[in-house]
C-alpha atoms as a PDB file:
ATOM      1  CA  MET A   1       5.118  -8.636  -7.867  1.00  0.00           C
ATOM      2  CA  VAL A   2       8.075  -6.528  -8.937  1.00  0.00           C
ATOM      3  CA  LYS A   3       6.982  -3.052 -10.009  1.00  0.00           C
ATOM      4  CA  ALA A   4       8.830  -2.004 -13.141  1.00  0.00           C
ATOM      5  CA  ASP A   5      10.107   1.512 -13.580  1.00  0.00           C
ATOM      6  CA  LYS A   6       9.637   2.286 -17.277  1.00  0.00           C
ATOM      7  CA  ASN A   7      12.825   4.328 -17.252  1.00  0.00           C
ATOM      8  CA  SER A   8      14.924   1.712 -15.456  1.00  0.00           C
ATOM      9  CA  LYS A   9      17.370  -0.740 -16.970  1.00  0.00           C
ATOM     10  CA  LYS A  10      16.246  -4.110 -18.228  1.00  0.00           C
ATOM     11  CA  MET A  11      15.112  -6.583 -15.610  1.00  0.00           C
ATOM     12  CA  LYS A  12      17.816  -8.713 -14.003  1.00  0.00           C
ATOM     13  CA  ARG A  13      17.709 -12.468 -14.552  1.00  0.00           C
ATOM     14  CA  LYS A  14      17.450 -13.383 -10.854  1.00  0.00           C
ATOM     15  CA  ALA A  15      14.434 -11.143 -10.260  1.00  0.00           C
ATOM     16  CA  TYR A  16      12.864 -12.341 -13.506  1.00  0.00           C
ATOM     17  CA  GLU A  17      13.244 -16.024 -12.682  1.00  0.00           C
ATOM     18  CA  ALA A  18      11.784 -15.537  -9.204  1.00  0.00           C
ATOM     19  CA  GLU A  19       8.696 -13.788 -10.565  1.00  0.00           C
ATOM     20  CA  LEU A  20       8.348 -16.232 -13.452  1.00  0.00           C
ATOM     21  CA  ARG A  21       8.278 -19.202 -11.077  1.00  0.00           C
ATOM     22  CA  LYS A  22       5.427 -17.618  -9.098  1.00  0.00           C
ATOM     23  CA  LEU A  23       3.430 -17.022 -12.281  1.00  0.00           C
ATOM     24  CA  GLN A  24       4.123 -20.513 -13.601  1.00  0.00           C
ATOM     25  CA  VAL A  25       2.721 -22.019 -10.405  1.00  0.00           C
ATOM     26  CA  LYS A  26      -0.441 -19.995 -11.028  1.00  0.00           C
ATOM     27  CA  LEU A  27      -0.520 -21.222 -14.645  1.00  0.00           C
ATOM     28  CA  CYS A  28      -0.532 -24.804 -13.349  1.00  0.00           C
ATOM     29  CA  ARG A  29      -3.546 -23.924 -11.201  1.00  0.00           C
ATOM     30  CA  LEU A  30      -5.211 -22.311 -14.209  1.00  0.00           C
ATOM     31  CA  GLN A  31      -4.531 -25.488 -16.169  1.00  0.00           C
ATOM     32  CA  ASP A  32      -6.378 -27.591 -13.584  1.00  0.00           C
ATOM     33  CA  TRP A  33      -9.344 -25.212 -13.725  1.00  0.00           C
ATOM     34  CA  VAL A  34      -9.487 -25.219 -17.541  1.00  0.00           C
ATOM     35  CA  LYS A  35      -9.429 -29.033 -17.583  1.00  0.00           C
ATOM     36  CA  GLN A  36     -12.055 -29.441 -14.885  1.00  0.00           C
ATOM     37  CA  LYS A  37     -14.458 -26.874 -16.330  1.00  0.00           C
ATOM     38  CA  GLY A  38     -13.882 -27.813 -19.976  1.00  0.00           C
ATOM     39  CA  LEU A  39     -12.999 -24.246 -20.917  1.00  0.00           C
ATOM     40  CA  ARG A  40     -11.902 -23.382 -24.459  1.00  0.00           C
ATOM     41  CA  VAL A  41      -9.322 -20.638 -24.824  1.00  0.00           C
ATOM     42  CA  ILE A  42      -7.528 -19.134 -27.821  1.00  0.00           C
ATOM     43  CA  ILE A  43      -4.474 -16.914 -27.315  1.00  0.00           C
ATOM     44  CA  VAL A  44      -3.214 -15.095 -30.412  1.00  0.00           C
ATOM     45  CA  PHE A  45       0.343 -13.753 -30.521  1.00  0.00           C
ATOM     46  CA  GLU A  46       1.108 -11.179 -33.209  1.00  0.00           C
ATOM     47  CA  GLY A  47       3.760  -8.493 -33.498  1.00  0.00           C
ATOM     48  CA  ARG A  48       6.762  -7.347 -35.420  1.00  0.00           C
ATOM     49  CA  ASP A  49       9.513  -9.799 -36.288  1.00  0.00           C
ATOM     50  CA  ALA A  50      11.946 -10.210 -33.358  1.00  0.00           C
ATOM     51  CA  ALA A  51       9.346  -8.797 -30.966  1.00  0.00           C
ATOM     52  CA  GLY A  52       9.785 -11.785 -28.643  1.00  0.00           C
ATOM     53  CA  LYS A  53       6.740 -13.908 -29.421  1.00  0.00           C
ATOM     54  CA  GLY A  54       8.626 -17.216 -29.299  1.00  0.00           C
ATOM     55  CA  GLY A  55      10.317 -16.524 -25.970  1.00  0.00           C
ATOM     56  CA  THR A  56       7.054 -15.369 -24.423  1.00  0.00           C
ATOM     57  CA  ILE A  57       5.272 -18.509 -25.581  1.00  0.00           C
ATOM     58  CA  ARG A  58       8.083 -20.685 -24.177  1.00  0.00           C
ATOM     59  CA  ALA A  59       7.854 -18.957 -20.791  1.00  0.00           C
ATOM     60  CA  LEU A  60       4.093 -19.452 -20.866  1.00  0.00           C
ATOM     61  CA  THR A  61       4.197 -23.157 -21.722  1.00  0.00           C
ATOM     62  CA  GLU A  62       7.410 -24.612 -20.274  1.00  0.00           C
ATOM     63  CA  ARG A  63       5.846 -25.778 -16.971  1.00  0.00           C
ATOM     64  CA  VAL A  64       2.403 -26.869 -18.163  1.00  0.00           C
ATOM     65  CA  SER A  65       1.056 -29.803 -20.154  1.00  0.00           C
ATOM     66  CA  PRO A  66       1.241 -29.579 -23.963  1.00  0.00           C
ATOM     67  CA  ARG A  67      -2.057 -31.475 -23.996  1.00  0.00           C
ATOM     68  CA  VAL A  68      -3.733 -28.459 -22.376  1.00  0.00           C
ATOM     69  CA  PHE A  69      -1.555 -25.588 -23.619  1.00  0.00           C
ATOM     70  CA  ARG A  70      -1.245 -26.470 -27.320  1.00  0.00           C
ATOM     71  CA  VAL A  71       0.991 -24.269 -29.480  1.00  0.00           C
ATOM     72  CA  VAL A  72       0.076 -23.832 -33.149  1.00  0.00           C
ATOM     73  CA  ALA A  73       2.693 -22.359 -35.489  1.00  0.00           C
ATOM     74  CA  LEU A  74       1.476 -23.073 -38.994  1.00  0.00           C
ATOM     75  CA  PRO A  75       3.912 -23.129 -41.929  1.00  0.00           C
ATOM     76  CA  ALA A  76       3.224 -21.424 -45.241  1.00  0.00           C
ATOM     77  CA  PRO A  77       0.018 -22.819 -46.779  1.00  0.00           C
ATOM     78  CA  SER A  78       0.248 -25.722 -49.219  1.00  0.00           C
ATOM     79  CA  ASP A  79      -1.241 -25.481 -52.717  1.00  0.00           C
ATOM     80  CA  ARG A  80      -4.322 -27.308 -51.438  1.00  0.00           C
ATOM     81  CA  GLN A  81      -4.699 -24.939 -48.481  1.00  0.00           C
ATOM     82  CA  LYS A  82      -4.343 -21.943 -50.784  1.00  0.00           C
ATOM     83  CA  SER A  83      -7.503 -23.140 -52.547  1.00  0.00           C
ATOM     84  CA  GLN A  84      -9.435 -23.379 -49.259  1.00  0.00           C
ATOM     85  CA  MET A  85     -11.298 -20.669 -47.419  1.00  0.00           C
ATOM     86  CA  PHE A  86      -8.606 -18.498 -45.809  1.00  0.00           C
ATOM     87  CA  LEU A  87      -9.583 -19.210 -42.201  1.00  0.00           C
ATOM     88  CA  GLN A  88     -10.126 -22.943 -42.716  1.00  0.00           C
ATOM     89  CA  ARG A  89      -6.694 -24.149 -41.662  1.00  0.00           C
ATOM     90  CA  TYR A  90      -6.835 -22.016 -38.514  1.00  0.00           C
ATOM     91  CA  ILE A  91     -10.334 -23.138 -37.527  1.00  0.00           C
ATOM     92  CA  GLU A  92      -9.146 -26.757 -37.726  1.00  0.00           C
ATOM     93  CA  GLN A  93      -6.823 -25.940 -34.812  1.00  0.00           C
ATOM     94  CA  PHE A  94      -9.456 -24.393 -32.522  1.00  0.00           C
ATOM     95  CA  PRO A  95      -9.676 -25.824 -28.987  1.00  0.00           C
ATOM     96  CA  ALA A  96     -11.874 -28.595 -27.690  1.00  0.00           C
ATOM     97  CA  GLY A  97     -13.067 -28.527 -24.084  1.00  0.00           C
ATOM     98  CA  GLY A  98     -10.203 -28.293 -21.602  1.00  0.00           C
ATOM     99  CA  GLU A  99      -7.719 -26.813 -24.093  1.00  0.00           C
ATOM    100  CA  ILE A 100      -5.825 -23.542 -24.468  1.00  0.00           C
ATOM    101  CA  VAL A 101      -4.624 -23.098 -28.045  1.00  0.00           C
ATOM    102  CA  ILE A 102      -1.789 -20.611 -28.559  1.00  0.00           C
ATOM    103  CA  PHE A 103      -1.358 -19.260 -32.077  1.00  0.00           C
ATOM    104  CA  ASP A 104       2.233 -18.221 -32.815  1.00  0.00           C
ATOM    105  CA  ARG A 105       0.986 -15.937 -35.580  1.00  0.00           C
ATOM    106  CA  SER A 106      -2.549 -16.418 -36.749  1.00  0.00           C
ATOM    107  CA  TRP A 107      -5.134 -15.448 -39.331  1.00  0.00           C
ATOM    108  CA  TYR A 108      -3.838 -11.900 -38.823  1.00  0.00           C
ATOM    109  CA  ASN A 109      -0.984 -12.794 -41.183  1.00  0.00           C
ATOM    110  CA  ARG A 110      -3.406 -11.517 -43.808  1.00  0.00           C
ATOM    111  CA  ALA A 111      -3.427  -8.060 -42.213  1.00  0.00           C
ATOM    112  CA  GLY A 112       0.350  -8.031 -41.783  1.00  0.00           C
ATOM    113  CA  VAL A 113       2.896  -9.766 -43.960  1.00  0.00           C
ATOM    114  CA  GLU A 114       0.425 -10.799 -46.683  1.00  0.00           C
ATOM    115  CA  HIS A 115      -0.810  -7.229 -47.056  1.00  0.00           C
ATOM    116  CA  VAL A 116       2.583  -5.514 -46.858  1.00  0.00           C
ATOM    117  CA  MET A 117       4.321  -7.963 -49.189  1.00  0.00           C
ATOM    118  CA  GLY A 118       1.465  -8.028 -51.700  1.00  0.00           C
ATOM    119  CA  PHE A 119       0.411 -11.657 -51.194  1.00  0.00           C
ATOM    120  CA  VAL A 120      -3.252 -10.619 -50.994  1.00  0.00           C
ATOM    121  CA  ASP A 121      -5.042  -8.143 -53.256  1.00  0.00           C
ATOM    122  CA  LYS A 122      -6.641  -4.982 -51.896  1.00  0.00           C
ATOM    123  CA  LYS A 123     -10.161  -6.377 -52.163  1.00  0.00           C
ATOM    124  CA  GLY A 124      -9.256  -9.505 -50.187  1.00  0.00           C
ATOM    125  CA  TYR A 125      -7.437  -7.417 -47.581  1.00  0.00           C
ATOM    126  CA  ARG A 126     -10.348  -5.019 -47.063  1.00  0.00           C
ATOM    127  CA  ARG A 127     -12.837  -7.878 -46.918  1.00  0.00           C
ATOM    128  CA  PHE A 128     -10.691  -9.617 -44.289  1.00  0.00           C
ATOM    129  CA  LEU A 129     -10.674  -6.552 -42.041  1.00  0.00           C
ATOM    130  CA  GLU A 130     -14.456  -6.249 -42.418  1.00  0.00           C
ATOM    131  CA  LEU A 131     -15.122  -9.887 -41.588  1.00  0.00           C
ATOM    132  CA  CYS A 132     -12.730 -10.346 -38.659  1.00  0.00           C
ATOM    133  CA  PRO A 133     -14.905  -8.614 -36.027  1.00  0.00           C
ATOM    134  CA  GLU A 134     -17.918 -10.677 -37.156  1.00  0.00           C
ATOM    135  CA  ILE A 135     -15.978 -13.948 -37.070  1.00  0.00           C
ATOM    136  CA  GLU A 136     -14.506 -13.171 -33.664  1.00  0.00           C
ATOM    137  CA  LYS A 137     -17.954 -12.258 -32.354  1.00  0.00           C
ATOM    138  CA  TYR A 138     -19.072 -15.716 -33.457  1.00  0.00           C
ATOM    139  CA  ILE A 139     -16.089 -17.253 -31.634  1.00  0.00           C
ATOM    140  CA  ALA A 140     -16.891 -15.337 -28.440  1.00  0.00           C
ATOM    141  CA  ASP A 141     -20.609 -16.194 -28.681  1.00  0.00           C
ATOM    142  CA  ALA A 142     -19.647 -19.876 -28.933  1.00  0.00           C
ATOM    143  CA  GLY A 143     -18.147 -19.562 -25.446  1.00  0.00           C
ATOM    144  CA  ILE A 144     -14.491 -19.520 -26.480  1.00  0.00           C
ATOM    145  CA  ILE A 145     -12.277 -17.089 -24.560  1.00  0.00           C
ATOM    146  CA  LEU A 146     -10.253 -15.155 -27.163  1.00  0.00           C
ATOM    147  CA  ILE A 147      -7.146 -13.226 -26.077  1.00  0.00           C
ATOM    148  CA  LYS A 148      -5.175 -11.238 -28.663  1.00  0.00           C
ATOM    149  CA  PHE A 149      -1.678  -9.879 -28.012  1.00  0.00           C
ATOM    150  CA  TRP A 150       0.360  -7.504 -30.134  1.00  0.00           C
ATOM    151  CA  LEU A 151       4.047  -7.389 -29.103  1.00  0.00           C
ATOM    152  CA  GLU A 152       5.572  -4.025 -29.955  1.00  0.00           C
ATOM    153  CA  VAL A 153       9.358  -3.743 -30.212  1.00  0.00           C
ATOM    154  CA  GLY A 154      11.220  -0.506 -30.978  1.00  0.00           C
ATOM    155  CA  LYS A 155      13.293   0.106 -34.099  1.00  0.00           C
ATOM    156  CA  GLU A 156      16.647   0.111 -32.316  1.00  0.00           C
ATOM    157  CA  GLU A 157      15.880  -3.008 -30.291  1.00  0.00           C
ATOM    158  CA  GLN A 158      14.634  -4.887 -33.345  1.00  0.00           C
ATOM    159  CA  GLU A 159      17.848  -4.016 -35.179  1.00  0.00           C
ATOM    160  CA  ARG A 160      19.927  -5.196 -32.223  1.00  0.00           C
ATOM    161  CA  ARG A 161      18.090  -8.511 -32.146  1.00  0.00           C
ATOM    162  CA  PHE A 162      18.435  -9.007 -35.900  1.00  0.00           C
ATOM    163  CA  LEU A 163      22.187  -8.392 -35.686  1.00  0.00           C
ATOM    164  CA  ALA A 164      22.431 -10.835 -32.790  1.00  0.00           C
ATOM    165  CA  ARG A 165      20.736 -13.470 -34.943  1.00  0.00           C
ATOM    166  CA  ILE A 166      23.075 -12.797 -37.854  1.00  0.00           C
ATOM    167  CA  ASN A 167      26.161 -13.222 -35.652  1.00  0.00           C
ATOM    168  CA  ASP A 168      25.039 -16.192 -33.558  1.00  0.00           C
ATOM    169  CA  PRO A 169      25.004 -19.601 -35.319  1.00  0.00           C
ATOM    170  CA  MET A 170      22.431 -20.868 -32.798  1.00  0.00           C
ATOM    171  CA  ARG A 171      20.042 -18.067 -33.729  1.00  0.00           C
ATOM    172  CA  GLN A 172      20.559 -17.760 -37.459  1.00  0.00           C
ATOM    173  CA  TRP A 173      17.665 -20.129 -38.134  1.00  0.00           C
ATOM    174  CA  LYS A 174      15.372 -17.469 -36.660  1.00  0.00           C
ATOM    175  CA  LEU A 175      16.209 -14.999 -39.438  1.00  0.00           C
ATOM    176  CA  SER A 176      14.192 -15.750 -42.573  1.00  0.00           C
ATOM    177  CA  PRO A 177      14.253 -13.779 -45.843  1.00  0.00           C
ATOM    178  CA  MET A 178      10.820 -12.435 -44.881  1.00  0.00           C
ATOM    179  CA  ASP A 179      12.257 -11.136 -41.600  1.00  0.00           C
ATOM    180  CA  VAL A 180      14.893  -9.215 -43.509  1.00  0.00           C
ATOM    181  CA  GLU A 181      12.204  -7.687 -45.726  1.00  0.00           C
ATOM    182  CA  SER A 182      10.182  -6.706 -42.669  1.00  0.00           C
ATOM    183  CA  TYR A 183      13.221  -4.749 -41.480  1.00  0.00           C
ATOM    184  CA  ARG A 184      13.221  -2.837 -44.762  1.00  0.00           C
ATOM    185  CA  TYR A 185       9.515  -2.025 -44.594  1.00  0.00           C
ATOM    186  CA  TRP A 186       9.288  -0.777 -41.004  1.00  0.00           C
ATOM    187  CA  TYR A 187       6.773   2.007 -41.646  1.00  0.00           C
ATOM    188  CA  GLU A 188       4.659  -0.071 -44.015  1.00  0.00           C
ATOM    189  CA  TYR A 189       4.288  -2.599 -41.208  1.00  0.00           C
ATOM    190  CA  SER A 190       3.474   0.228 -38.791  1.00  0.00           C
ATOM    191  CA  LYS A 191       0.637   1.377 -41.067  1.00  0.00           C
ATOM    192  CA  ALA A 192      -0.621  -2.194 -41.435  1.00  0.00           C
ATOM    193  CA  ARG A 193      -0.572  -2.567 -37.632  1.00  0.00           C
ATOM    194  CA  ASP A 194      -2.534   0.653 -37.181  1.00  0.00           C
ATOM    195  CA  MET A 195      -5.170  -0.339 -39.758  1.00  0.00           C
ATOM    196  CA  MET A 196      -5.522  -3.805 -38.212  1.00  0.00           C
ATOM    197  CA  LEU A 197      -5.970  -2.424 -34.699  1.00  0.00           C
ATOM    198  CA  GLU A 198      -8.445   0.182 -35.880  1.00  0.00           C
ATOM    199  CA  ALA A 199     -10.577  -2.396 -37.706  1.00  0.00           C
ATOM    200  CA  THR A 200     -10.412  -5.375 -35.351  1.00  0.00           C
ATOM    201  CA  ASP A 201     -10.074  -4.010 -31.797  1.00  0.00           C
ATOM    202  CA  SER A 202     -13.522  -4.777 -30.381  1.00  0.00           C
ATOM    203  CA  ASP A 203     -15.193  -5.210 -27.005  1.00  0.00           C
ATOM    204  CA  HIS A 204     -15.645  -8.952 -27.562  1.00  0.00           C
ATOM    205  CA  ALA A 205     -12.115  -9.486 -28.956  1.00  0.00           C
ATOM    206  CA  PRO A 206      -9.851  -6.623 -27.851  1.00  0.00           C
ATOM    207  CA  TRP A 207      -6.182  -6.265 -28.709  1.00  0.00           C
ATOM    208  CA  THR A 208      -3.750  -5.942 -25.821  1.00  0.00           C
ATOM    209  CA  ILE A 209      -0.389  -4.347 -26.655  1.00  0.00           C
ATOM    210  CA  ILE A 210       2.781  -5.409 -24.835  1.00  0.00           C
ATOM    211  CA  ARG A 211       5.927  -3.336 -25.121  1.00  0.00           C
ATOM    212  CA  SER A 212       8.687  -5.901 -25.522  1.00  0.00           C
ATOM    213  CA  ASP A 213      12.012  -4.045 -25.633  1.00  0.00           C
ATOM    214  CA  ASP A 214      12.622  -5.710 -22.269  1.00  0.00           C
ATOM    215  CA  LYS A 215      11.806  -9.343 -23.042  1.00  0.00           C
ATOM    216  CA  ARG A 216      11.698 -10.435 -19.421  1.00  0.00           C
ATOM    217  CA  ARG A 217       9.199  -7.823 -18.323  1.00  0.00           C
ATOM    218  CA  ALA A 218       7.133  -8.474 -21.452  1.00  0.00           C
ATOM    219  CA  ARG A 219       6.875 -12.190 -20.634  1.00  0.00           C
ATOM    220  CA  LEU A 220       5.856 -11.561 -17.027  1.00  0.00           C
ATOM    221  CA  ASN A 221       3.307  -8.920 -18.001  1.00  0.00           C
ATOM    222  CA  CYS A 222       1.826 -11.215 -20.639  1.00  0.00           C
ATOM    223  CA  ILE A 223       1.400 -14.179 -18.288  1.00  0.00           C
ATOM    224  CA  SER A 224       0.013 -11.937 -15.562  1.00  0.00           C
ATOM    225  CA  HIS A 225      -2.559 -10.560 -18.000  1.00  0.00           C
ATOM    226  CA  ILE A 226      -3.662 -14.037 -19.085  1.00  0.00           C
ATOM    227  CA  LEU A 227      -4.154 -15.063 -15.463  1.00  0.00           C
ATOM    228  CA  SER A 228      -6.232 -11.944 -14.859  1.00  0.00           C
ATOM    229  CA  VAL A 229      -8.606 -12.316 -17.830  1.00  0.00           C
ATOM    230  CA  ILE A 230      -9.414 -16.038 -17.507  1.00  0.00           C
ATOM    231  CA  PRO A 231     -11.649 -16.403 -14.430  1.00  0.00           C
ATOM    232  CA  HIS A 232     -10.421 -19.346 -12.371  1.00  0.00           C
ATOM    233  CA  LYS A 233     -10.058 -20.726  -8.877  1.00  0.00           C
ATOM    234  CA  THR A 234      -7.478 -22.972  -7.256  1.00  0.00           C
ATOM    235  CA  ILE A 235      -8.501 -26.626  -7.281  1.00  0.00           C
ATOM    236  CA  HIS A 236      -7.248 -28.453  -4.222  1.00  0.00           C
ATOM    237  CA  ASN A 237      -6.368 -31.919  -5.445  1.00  0.00           C
ATOM    238  CA  PRO A 238      -5.626 -34.663  -2.889  1.00  0.00           C
ATOM    239  CA  LYS A 239      -1.910 -35.278  -2.397  1.00  0.00           C
ATOM    240  CA  VAL A 240      -0.733 -38.276  -4.356  1.00  0.00           C
ATOM    241  CA  LYS A 241       0.784 -41.144  -2.392  1.00  0.00           C
ATOM    242  CA  LEU A 242       3.033 -43.658  -4.110  1.00  0.00           C
ATOM    243  CA  PRO A 243       1.830 -47.250  -3.706  1.00  0.00           C
ATOM    244  CA  LYS A 244       4.128 -49.940  -2.360  1.00  0.00           C
ATOM    245  CA  ARG A 245       6.040 -51.796  -5.079  1.00  0.00           C
ATOM    246  CA  GLN A 246       5.173 -55.474  -5.467  1.00  0.00           C
ATOM    247  CA  ASP A 247       8.016 -57.946  -4.856  1.00  0.00           C
ATOM    248  CA  LYS A 248       6.186 -60.999  -6.136  1.00  0.00           C
ATOM    249  CA  ASP A 249       8.121 -61.247  -9.430  1.00  0.00           C
ATOM    250  CA  ARG A 250      11.305 -59.657  -8.158  1.00  0.00           C
ATOM    251  CA  TYR A 251      14.513 -60.273 -10.108  1.00  0.00           C
ATOM    252  CA  ASP A 252      17.743 -58.474 -11.104  1.00  0.00           C
ATOM    253  CA  ASP A 253      16.300 -56.299 -13.870  1.00  0.00           C
ATOM    254  CA  GLN A 254      19.628 -54.548 -14.501  1.00  0.00           C
ATOM    255  CA  ARG A 255      21.549 -57.767 -15.111  1.00  0.00           C
ATOM    256  CA  SER A 256      19.187 -58.579 -17.990  1.00  0.00           C
ATOM    257  CA  LEU A 257      20.341 -55.393 -19.771  1.00  0.00           C
ATOM    258  CA  LYS A 258      23.977 -56.503 -19.969  1.00  0.00           C
ATOM    259  CA  GLY A 259      25.178 -56.787 -23.553  1.00  0.00           C
ATOM    260  CA  ARG A 260      22.531 -54.365 -24.843  1.00  0.00           C
ATOM    261  CA  ARG A 261      23.420 -51.223 -26.764  1.00  0.00           C
ATOM    262  CA  PHE A 262      23.629 -48.075 -24.630  1.00  0.00           C
ATOM    263  CA  VAL A 263      24.404 -44.551 -25.760  1.00  0.00           C
ATOM    264  CA  GLU A 264      28.051 -43.681 -25.294  1.00  0.00           C
ATOM    265  CA  GLU A 265      28.516 -41.811 -22.009  1.00  0.00           C
ATOM    266  CA  ARG A 266      30.555 -38.831 -23.166  1.00  0.00           C
ATOM    267  CA  TYR A 267      29.585 -36.588 -20.294  1.00  0.00           C
END
C-alpha cells in the first residue's frame, strides 16, 4: 500500500487507481464472505457538505453487487414520515442477512442540519443525543456490525469544491440551498459535530474520522478501514466453466431482427 506523506501533494490518479483496484478486489472477497455467513453490516457516512461522501461511496460500491452493498440516501421526510417515530424510516432500511447497507447521511441528520437549521427543538435534539448510544448498543447486541464515518474537509477545500460546483454545469445539481447555508454556518456545524461526537462516540459504535481534503487518499483509507474492521476470509469458489451451446434449434437469429427499430448509431 502507498504510504501517504501528510505534507505531500494530493495523490496522483495513476497511483490512486492502482491502489483502488487492489482494494476493490478485496471488497469482492468480503462480499462473498458476507453472503456466505449471512452477516449484517451498516456503514454510516456523515460529514460536512462537499466532504466527499458521494465519491467515497461510489469507489466503495462500483465493483460489487448492489444486492449486497445497498446504498440508502433518503430524501426529505414526507408529511406521513414526519408523524412517525424519528428513526422509523431508517430502521426500515436496516440489513437482512448477507447485506451491507450504506447510509449516505443517516439518523445523524438530527444532530447536524436539523439542529443547526432549527428543524428540531432543543428538547428533541438533547433527547436524540441521549438515546443514540442506547439504540446503537441495541443494534450491536443484535449482531449487526455498525461502522460510522465522519468525513472532515477543511474550510478552504470546501470553498474550492463549492465554487467548482457553481461553475460546472455537470456538478451544479450537487449544490442545494441547504449546502449554501451550511457554508454560511461553518462554526455552528463545527459545534454540532463536536457535540455529536462527544455524545455518541462509544466502544460499541465508535466514530472514525477521515480527513478528506485529498479525496483519493480519503477513499482508499476508508475502504481499507472497512476491510480491517469486518472479520473475513477469502472464499475459494470453483472456477466457472461455460457449457457448450446447444445447436438443436439453430437458426439465423440476427436475420429475424431485420426491420426492427434500433437506436441510431451516432458514435
